[in-house]
Protein backbone atom coordinates (compact mmCIF):
# COMPACT_ATOMS: atom_id res chain seq x y z
CA MET A 1 -4.19 27.11 22.64
CA SER A 2 -1.36 29.81 22.46
CA ALA A 3 -2.75 33.35 22.92
CA HIS A 4 -0.45 34.54 19.85
CA ARG A 5 -1.47 33.77 16.38
CA ARG A 6 1.27 32.88 13.58
CA PRO A 7 0.07 33.86 9.83
CA GLN A 8 -2.53 31.62 8.47
CA LEU A 9 -1.24 28.91 5.76
CA PRO A 10 -2.50 29.55 2.47
CA GLY A 11 -5.40 27.05 2.53
CA ALA A 12 -6.47 28.32 5.88
CA GLN A 13 -7.62 31.03 3.71
CA ARG A 14 -9.74 29.16 0.93
CA LEU A 15 -11.41 27.02 4.17
CA THR A 16 -14.94 28.89 3.29
CA ARG A 17 -14.49 28.24 -0.69
CA ALA A 18 -13.27 24.55 0.21
CA LEU A 19 -16.43 23.95 2.57
CA VAL A 20 -18.63 25.24 -0.20
CA LEU A 21 -17.00 23.05 -2.49
CA THR A 22 -17.22 20.09 -0.34
CA ALA A 23 -20.95 20.59 -0.17
CA ALA A 24 -21.32 20.83 -3.75
CA ALA A 25 -19.22 17.59 -4.65
CA THR A 26 -20.93 16.07 -1.73
CA THR A 27 -24.89 17.20 -3.77
CA ALA A 28 -23.26 16.06 -6.99
CA LEU A 29 -21.84 12.85 -5.48
CA GLY A 30 -19.02 12.44 -8.09
CA LEU A 31 -17.35 9.44 -6.92
CA THR A 32 -14.77 7.47 -9.05
CA VAL A 33 -14.60 3.91 -8.13
CA GLY A 34 -13.41 2.17 -11.38
CA GLY A 35 -16.18 0.94 -13.35
CA PRO A 36 -20.06 0.64 -12.81
CA ALA A 37 -21.33 -0.19 -9.00
CA GLN A 38 -22.74 -3.36 -7.84
CA ALA A 39 -26.39 -3.98 -7.01
CA ALA A 40 -26.39 -1.74 -3.23
CA PRO A 41 -27.05 -4.33 -0.55
CA ARG A 42 -30.47 -3.95 1.51
CA THR A 43 -29.96 -1.49 4.56
CA PRO A 44 -31.44 -3.15 7.89
CA ALA A 45 -34.08 -0.23 7.80
CA GLU A 46 -35.31 2.19 5.49
CA PRO A 47 -34.51 5.62 6.70
CA THR A 48 -37.67 8.23 7.66
CA SER A 49 -35.91 11.39 7.71
CA ARG A 50 -33.31 13.43 6.91
CA ASN A 51 -31.38 12.76 9.39
CA ASP A 52 -31.47 9.40 9.63
CA VAL A 53 -30.42 9.44 6.16
CA LYS A 54 -27.33 10.91 7.52
CA VAL A 55 -26.29 8.65 9.95
CA ARG A 56 -26.78 6.00 7.66
CA VAL A 57 -24.95 7.44 4.55
CA ASP A 58 -21.86 8.52 7.47
CA GLN A 59 -21.74 4.64 8.34
CA LEU A 60 -21.80 3.47 4.92
CA TYR A 61 -19.22 5.97 4.00
CA GLU A 62 -16.86 5.02 7.34
CA GLU A 63 -17.66 1.06 6.06
CA ALA A 64 -16.18 2.23 2.31
CA GLU A 65 -13.19 3.73 4.19
CA GLN A 66 -12.65 0.66 6.00
CA ALA A 67 -12.78 -1.25 2.82
CA SER A 68 -11.07 1.22 1.09
CA GLU A 69 -7.75 0.77 3.40
CA ARG A 70 -7.96 -2.98 3.15
CA TYR A 71 -7.72 -2.48 -0.30
CA ASN A 72 -4.58 -0.64 -0.37
CA ALA A 73 -3.14 -3.04 2.10
CA ALA A 74 -4.02 -5.49 -0.66
CA GLN A 75 -2.57 -3.92 -3.45
CA GLU A 76 0.52 -3.38 -1.92
CA HIS A 77 0.84 -6.90 -0.67
CA GLN A 78 0.00 -7.63 -4.79
CA LYS A 79 3.27 -5.89 -5.86
CA GLN A 80 5.63 -7.14 -2.65
CA LEU A 81 3.93 -11.07 -3.95
CA GLN A 82 4.53 -9.89 -7.67
CA SER A 83 8.42 -8.57 -6.88
CA GLU A 84 8.95 -11.99 -4.75
CA ALA A 85 7.52 -14.51 -7.52
CA SER A 86 9.07 -12.73 -10.28
CA ALA A 87 12.68 -12.81 -8.70
CA LEU A 88 12.21 -16.61 -7.62
CA GLN A 89 10.99 -18.04 -11.29
CA SER A 90 14.01 -15.62 -12.36
CA GLN A 91 16.09 -17.50 -9.98
CA VAL A 92 14.51 -20.74 -11.32
CA ALA A 93 15.31 -20.34 -14.83
CA THR A 94 18.81 -19.40 -14.35
CA GLY A 95 19.38 -22.51 -11.56
CA GLN A 96 18.06 -24.55 -14.62
CA ASP A 97 20.11 -23.53 -17.33
CA GLU A 98 23.28 -24.09 -15.06
CA LEU A 99 21.62 -27.82 -14.09
CA ASN A 100 21.66 -28.40 -17.84
CA ARG A 101 25.14 -27.46 -18.20
CA MET A 102 26.56 -29.30 -15.10
CA ARG A 103 24.59 -32.34 -16.67
CA GLN A 104 26.14 -31.87 -20.02
CA ASP A 105 29.78 -31.68 -18.60
CA LEU A 106 29.42 -34.66 -16.44
CA ALA A 107 27.47 -36.81 -19.69
CA ALA A 108 30.72 -36.20 -21.58
CA VAL A 109 33.10 -37.14 -19.02
CA ALA A 110 31.22 -40.18 -18.18
CA GLY A 111 31.48 -41.23 -22.21
CA ALA A 112 35.09 -40.60 -22.17
CA GLN A 113 35.34 -43.12 -19.65
CA TYR A 114 33.63 -45.55 -21.14
CA ARG A 115 35.01 -45.65 -24.27
CA SER A 116 38.43 -45.75 -22.50
CA GLY A 117 37.53 -48.17 -20.42
CA GLY A 118 36.46 -51.78 -22.11
CA MET A 119 40.40 -53.26 -21.40
CA ASP A 120 41.53 -54.34 -17.83
CA PRO A 121 43.83 -51.13 -16.52
CA GLY A 122 47.33 -53.92 -16.13
CA VAL A 123 46.73 -55.30 -19.49
CA GLN A 124 46.78 -51.80 -20.95
CA LEU A 125 49.66 -51.33 -19.09
CA MET A 126 51.74 -54.27 -20.73
CA LEU A 127 50.33 -53.51 -23.94
CA ASN A 128 51.03 -49.81 -23.95
CA SER A 129 54.10 -48.61 -25.50
CA ASP A 130 54.57 -45.49 -22.92
CA PRO A 131 54.07 -47.03 -19.87
CA ASP A 132 55.41 -43.67 -17.92
CA GLY A 133 52.84 -41.49 -19.86
CA TYR A 134 49.76 -44.32 -19.68
CA LEU A 135 50.61 -44.23 -15.71
CA ALA A 136 50.33 -40.45 -16.13
CA ARG A 137 47.35 -40.31 -17.92
CA VAL A 138 45.41 -43.10 -14.87
CA ARG A 139 46.44 -40.26 -12.10
CA ALA A 140 45.14 -37.69 -14.43
CA LEU A 141 41.86 -39.99 -14.85
CA ASP A 142 41.71 -40.62 -10.89
CA GLN A 143 41.57 -37.05 -10.45
CA ALA A 144 39.39 -36.28 -13.20
CA THR A 145 37.17 -38.81 -11.66
CA GLN A 146 37.58 -37.30 -8.04
CA ARG A 147 36.54 -33.80 -9.78
CA GLN A 148 33.33 -35.69 -11.53
CA ASN A 149 31.99 -37.44 -7.90
CA ASP A 150 32.59 -33.38 -6.60
CA SER A 151 30.57 -32.25 -9.69
CA LEU A 152 27.95 -34.55 -8.98
CA ARG A 153 27.28 -33.89 -5.71
CA GLN A 154 26.92 -29.89 -6.83
CA LEU A 155 24.59 -31.05 -9.23
CA LEU A 156 22.68 -32.92 -6.41
CA ASP A 157 22.80 -30.07 -4.31
CA ARG A 158 22.02 -27.52 -6.88
CA GLN A 159 18.73 -30.13 -8.12
CA ARG A 160 17.67 -29.56 -4.63
CA ARG A 161 17.93 -26.09 -4.16
CA LEU A 162 16.33 -25.66 -7.89
CA ASP A 163 12.89 -27.92 -6.42
CA GLN A 164 13.14 -25.53 -3.38
CA ARG A 165 12.81 -22.36 -5.75
CA ARG A 166 10.29 -24.01 -7.54
CA ALA A 167 8.34 -24.36 -4.50
CA GLU A 168 8.53 -21.51 -2.91
CA ALA A 169 7.45 -19.80 -6.18
CA SER A 170 4.54 -21.84 -6.36
CA ALA A 171 3.78 -20.91 -2.92
CA LYS A 172 4.07 -17.04 -3.79
CA LEU A 173 2.16 -17.56 -6.67
CA ALA A 174 -0.64 -19.56 -4.75
CA GLU A 175 -0.45 -16.48 -1.91
CA LEU A 176 -0.97 -13.80 -4.74
CA ASP A 177 -4.24 -15.45 -6.31
CA GLY A 178 -5.81 -15.32 -3.16
CA VAL A 179 -4.72 -11.63 -2.62
CA ARG A 180 -6.26 -11.02 -5.79
CA GLN A 181 -9.46 -12.07 -4.86
CA SER A 182 -9.09 -10.15 -1.64
CA LEU A 183 -8.92 -7.06 -3.73
CA ALA A 184 -11.92 -8.09 -5.70
CA GLU A 185 -14.07 -8.36 -2.76
CA ASN A 186 -12.71 -5.41 -0.81
CA LYS A 187 -13.45 -3.15 -4.12
CA ASP A 188 -16.79 -4.94 -4.45
CA GLN A 189 -17.39 -3.66 -0.84
CA VAL A 190 -16.49 -0.25 -1.11
CA ARG A 191 -18.50 -0.07 -4.42
CA GLN A 192 -21.56 -1.35 -2.61
CA ARG A 193 -21.38 0.50 0.68
CA LEU A 194 -21.32 3.74 -1.99
CA ALA A 195 -23.88 2.53 -4.36
CA SER A 196 -26.18 2.38 -1.00
CA ALA A 197 -25.41 5.82 -0.04
CA GLN A 198 -26.15 7.11 -3.46
CA GLN A 199 -29.25 5.38 -3.58
CA LEU A 200 -30.09 7.02 0.34
CA LEU A 201 -29.04 10.21 -1.02
CA ASN A 202 -31.27 9.95 -4.21
CA GLY A 203 -34.04 9.32 -2.38
CA LEU A 204 -34.33 12.61 -0.39
CA GLY A 205 -34.29 14.69 -3.78
CA PRO A 206 -31.82 17.45 -5.10
CA ALA A 207 -33.13 20.04 -2.52
CA GLU A 208 -32.71 17.70 0.67
CA ARG A 209 -29.32 16.74 -0.72
CA ALA A 210 -28.34 20.32 -0.84
CA ARG A 211 -29.07 21.30 2.40
CA LEU A 212 -27.75 17.93 4.04
CA ALA A 213 -24.48 18.53 2.45
CA ALA A 214 -24.65 22.33 3.36
CA GLU A 215 -25.04 21.27 6.98
CA ASP A 216 -22.29 19.14 6.41
CA ALA A 217 -19.97 22.00 5.36
CA ARG A 218 -20.86 24.03 7.92
CA ALA A 219 -20.19 21.49 10.95
CA ALA A 220 -17.02 21.10 9.42
CA GLU A 221 -16.39 24.66 9.20
CA LYS A 222 -17.65 24.90 13.15
CA ARG A 223 -15.84 22.07 14.08
CA ALA A 224 -12.09 23.68 12.35
CA THR A 225 -12.97 27.36 13.54
CA ARG A 226 -14.36 26.52 16.64
CA GLY A 227 -17.29 28.68 15.78
CA THR A 228 -15.27 32.13 15.61
CA ASP A 229 -14.92 33.58 11.88
CA ARG A 230 -11.52 32.23 11.11
CA LEU A 231 -8.98 29.63 11.74
CA ASP A 232 -6.72 29.71 14.25
CA LEU A 233 -3.59 27.02 13.75
CA GLY A 234 -1.48 28.49 17.02
CA ASP A 235 2.16 29.16 16.69
CA GLN A 236 3.58 25.96 16.78
CA PRO A 237 6.66 25.68 14.16
CA PRO A 238 6.61 22.44 12.25
CA ALA A 239 8.27 19.10 13.96
CA SER A 240 11.19 19.60 10.88
CA ASP A 241 11.82 21.24 7.56
CA ARG A 242 10.15 17.99 5.80
CA ALA A 243 7.20 18.07 8.33
CA ALA A 244 6.54 21.93 6.85
CA VAL A 245 7.17 20.79 3.08
CA ALA A 246 4.37 18.22 3.54
CA LEU A 247 1.98 20.05 5.37
CA ALA A 248 2.41 22.67 2.79
CA ALA A 249 1.49 20.08 0.11
CA ALA A 250 -1.06 18.93 1.74
CA VAL A 251 -2.88 22.54 2.48
CA SER A 252 -2.26 22.93 -1.04
CA LYS A 253 -4.82 19.95 -1.78
CA ILE A 254 -7.82 21.90 0.27
CA GLY A 255 -10.78 21.49 -2.02
CA SER A 256 -9.25 18.23 -3.91
CA PRO A 257 -11.91 15.29 -3.91
CA TYR A 258 -11.73 12.10 -2.06
CA VAL A 259 -11.62 9.02 -4.47
CA PHE A 260 -10.49 5.61 -2.89
CA GLY A 261 -7.38 3.82 -3.46
CA SER A 262 -5.75 7.26 -5.16
CA THR A 263 -2.73 8.83 -4.22
CA GLY A 264 -2.78 11.96 -6.48
CA PRO A 265 -2.23 14.76 -7.42
CA ARG A 266 -5.59 15.47 -8.26
CA THR A 267 -7.94 13.27 -5.81
CA PHE A 268 -6.75 11.18 -2.63
CA ASP A 269 -7.76 8.76 -0.15
CA CYS A 270 -7.18 9.51 3.42
CA SER A 271 -3.58 7.45 3.37
CA GLY A 272 -3.34 8.68 0.16
CA LEU A 273 -3.29 12.34 0.92
CA MET A 274 -0.68 11.34 3.62
CA TYR A 275 1.56 9.35 1.02
CA TRP A 276 1.32 12.24 -1.56
CA SER A 277 2.26 15.02 0.72
CA TRP A 278 5.02 13.80 2.18
CA ARG A 279 6.37 12.52 -0.98
CA GLN A 280 6.84 15.76 -1.92
CA ALA A 281 9.11 16.34 1.18
CA GLY A 282 11.28 13.36 -0.19
CA VAL A 283 10.06 10.79 1.97
CA THR A 284 8.28 7.55 0.76
CA LEU A 285 5.74 6.34 4.04
CA PRO A 286 3.73 3.32 4.00
CA ARG A 287 0.46 2.97 1.63
CA THR A 288 -2.08 2.48 3.97
CA SER A 289 -3.18 4.27 7.59
CA GLN A 290 -2.60 1.29 9.66
CA ALA A 291 1.14 1.15 8.06
CA GLN A 292 1.66 4.56 8.50
CA ALA A 293 0.95 4.42 12.53
CA SER A 294 4.49 2.90 12.30
CA ALA A 295 5.70 4.79 10.34
CA GLY A 296 7.48 7.00 12.73
CA ARG A 297 7.89 7.63 16.73
CA ARG A 298 4.66 7.14 18.60
CA ILE A 299 4.12 10.69 20.61
CA SER A 300 0.93 11.91 22.51
CA LEU A 301 -1.94 14.24 21.00
CA ALA A 302 -0.58 17.01 23.54
CA GLU A 303 3.24 17.01 21.78
CA ALA A 304 1.66 17.19 18.31
CA ARG A 305 3.30 19.78 16.16
CA PRO A 306 2.41 20.60 12.82
CA GLY A 307 3.27 18.09 10.20
CA ASP A 308 2.97 14.92 12.35
CA LEU A 309 0.54 12.29 11.52
CA VAL A 310 -2.85 11.57 13.23
CA ILE A 311 -3.97 8.34 13.52
CA PHE A 312 -7.89 7.93 14.17
CA TYR A 313 -10.07 5.07 15.08
CA ARG A 314 -9.31 1.55 17.11
CA ASP A 315 -8.60 -0.52 13.96
CA MET A 316 -6.79 2.62 11.98
CA HIS A 317 -8.32 2.84 9.43
CA HIS A 318 -8.38 6.78 9.27
CA VAL A 319 -5.49 9.72 8.66
CA GLY A 320 -4.63 13.42 8.69
CA MET A 321 -2.20 15.35 8.93
CA TYR A 322 -1.85 17.94 12.05
CA ALA A 323 -1.95 21.45 11.09
CA GLY A 324 -1.71 22.86 14.60
CA GLY A 325 -4.17 24.50 16.44
CA GLY A 326 -6.02 21.22 17.30
CA VAL A 327 -6.76 20.86 13.84
CA VAL A 328 -5.99 18.61 11.21
CA VAL A 329 -6.15 18.69 7.28
CA HIS A 330 -7.48 15.10 5.93
CA ALA A 331 -9.64 13.60 2.97
CA PRO A 332 -12.26 12.95 4.98
CA TYR A 333 -14.86 10.45 3.36
CA PRO A 334 -16.21 9.46 -0.26
CA GLY A 335 -18.09 12.48 -1.66
CA ALA A 336 -16.05 15.11 0.48
CA ARG A 337 -13.14 17.36 -0.68
CA VAL A 338 -9.82 17.54 1.32
CA ARG A 339 -10.36 19.95 4.52
CA TYR A 340 -9.43 21.45 7.92
CA GLU A 341 -11.33 19.81 10.79
CA SER A 342 -10.78 19.42 14.23
CA VAL A 343 -8.85 16.60 15.68
CA ASN A 344 -11.58 16.18 17.94
CA ALA A 345 -14.26 15.45 15.45
CA MET A 346 -12.66 11.39 15.42
CA PRO A 347 -11.55 9.17 18.11
CA VAL A 348 -7.59 9.52 18.31
CA THR A 349 -5.75 6.35 18.37
CA GLY A 350 -1.80 7.99 18.06
CA VAL A 351 0.25 10.08 16.64
CA VAL A 352 2.93 9.47 14.48
CA ARG A 353 6.32 11.99 13.98
CA VAL A 354 7.19 11.05 10.66
């Protein structure tokens, strides 16, 4: 870290207060999950101490966050499929209207040919009072017949393409049903993990829950400040002007609650905080941490500058924003609030410069 220290970011001055809020929030465990929680799954072994409870609760929160990112991905897939299915259905409707008009035109031509075709053409020529006019009409009829044949080929081609669009629309709708089922399953998984964590915490009693939350807040503060009395973010400039705006936006949300599936402006999940912060800089990131891992140029952790995205864990289910000095700002997990944390608090998979 540089020996020179640049002025603290606005959120740094609120670090201690935010961590106290984190402790209070975790104690209350205000978990907004969009409906009543389902019955919690049985835990493998009943925790016997506060430390055992913390280990199990941390595991449940991580599983909940993994399910939350799968839920976010399924939501994005659902939106894309709905758009594609709607476009295909619109094409089918338009194509059917065109097909109906072509059939009506062909039917009119065929009817006219039938009405005039009852007599042999040679006899018609002999009996006609205007042979030259008749021959002109025959030539015109031949041309009309050729146009009719062309129209018939177009009709058959249009029918084939329309059938193909119908099949594509049906496939999209079937895929959409599968995604909706996946959404429901992932949402249930989040609720079950959170309900299990709540059940474990409730078993401790209010005083023990408060002590556990306070310990977590102190540990986070120690990791971010390295045990000193202040947060040192170093003196590196942001990666770009937009990165500076995104970082300032993220820092302004320190103390905001983690709520799965949320992109702000008052509550966030981990990727939702990155999505909202970069939107303030005029950049639309992908919605999930896995997709955000491919939202820019990969660099090493040693090259990280303020505003870069830091992707955590092998399955890339967590993301934070580099704030400088080996510190990230992130939405940690359900029940916690947006805060600073040491980049080394979690295994780093990659760093992305947007």
